[in-house]
Amino acid sequence: MQHPLLKSKKNLYIYISAWAPVLCAHACIDVYFYAIPHSLSLLDAFVSTGLFAAIGLLSWYTVRFISLENQRIPLHLFNHLIAAGMFISLWYFISKTILLSSSADAGFMEFIQQSGPFRIVIASFLYCILALSYYLYKYYSSYKVRIEREAAWKTLATESELNLLKSQLQPHFIFNSLNSIHALLLQDVDKAQHMLSNLSGYLRLSIEKNKEKSVSFSEEINNALLYYSIEKIRFENRLHIETHIEDNTAACKVPFMIIQPLLENSIKHGLFESLDPVTIELRGFVKENRLHIQIQNNHDTSVKKQRGNGLGLKHVQQRLFLLFGRKNLMKIKDENGIFQVELIIPQY
């Protein structure tokens, strides 16, 4: 890990600025408590405090290599005691030598000699503050890295789960479409070929766009209508669709292939459980910076619903949760023979 104070000029300037009040306090103590002349008190403050601040940069390496996780507390304190002793002894010897050789004032020289124990006590206190500050920075940096790593893993896991959902959904759709083509081959080969051609175009589009997380709503509507055209060939007059899309929704972003499973669900539970024609209504509008997509279909309430695993709806709900972290973005309502699914897509 690089020295936190040397990796950027900004950090170094902050470190130097933090020592300015200590330097001023040192000079004031010399003047007001020990009656040291101003010039000599400034000399003492600059040499003692400045040298301590400079050598204090080295204490980072002590903190870096003496880790609380790797050693027992007593041994950890013992190592720091040795490091502090060496650090303070070096500082005291150099600063004392410089101060004694910088002035011939007998009173100042006597002051430097007699104030040695006091200086060592203050230096020990400042060393502890430095060490604690470095430890705080070290553990904050480790915590930040851990949070970023966890966020990266979470993003990776989310993307993997989204890809898994897509990989599960596409074979499900292909299987149903091939069943439809197979059934149509027994009735009308030309229509089956037309349906196969549309399916080929739809699958090509889904493969090209599969890596995209989102597309414009207008593009998603076109994709959904292409899917509808595939099923329309099979069911002919039994299947109708009405679209009510407001103009201001075109540029809104939606997850790719989010509508197709809902259309498939409407067709499955509307047509497969009744002989009556089914009308699917597709609406899109913006409200409070959210895109609302409503898909509803009529169904025969007298027919007992087939029990299924609800793969399409579950996948849509799970995709929305993974993308937006909310579980209230899909609403399902079934009243008076009208089954409705509403998606709420936040627009950021």
Foldseek 3Di string as FASTA:
>chain_A
DDQPCPVDVVSVVVLVVVLVVVLVVQLVCCCPVVVDDNVLSNVLSCLLSVLLSVLLSVCLVVLVVLDPVPDPPVVSVVSVVVVLVVSLVVSLVVSLVVSPVVDPDPSSNVVSVVCSVVSSVVSSVVSVVSSVVSVVVVVVVVVVVVVVVVVVVLVVVLVVVLLVLVVVVVVVVVVVLVVLLVVCCVPDVVLSVVLVVLVVVLVVVCVVCVPPQKDQPLVQVVSQVSVVVSVCSRPPQLEEEAEAEDPVRRRFIDGHPLCNLVVVVQCCQAPVQDPHRKYWYWYWDDDPQKIKIKIKMFHDPVGDTDDDPSSSVVSSQSNQCSVPVDNPQWDWDAPDRMTMIMGIGHGD
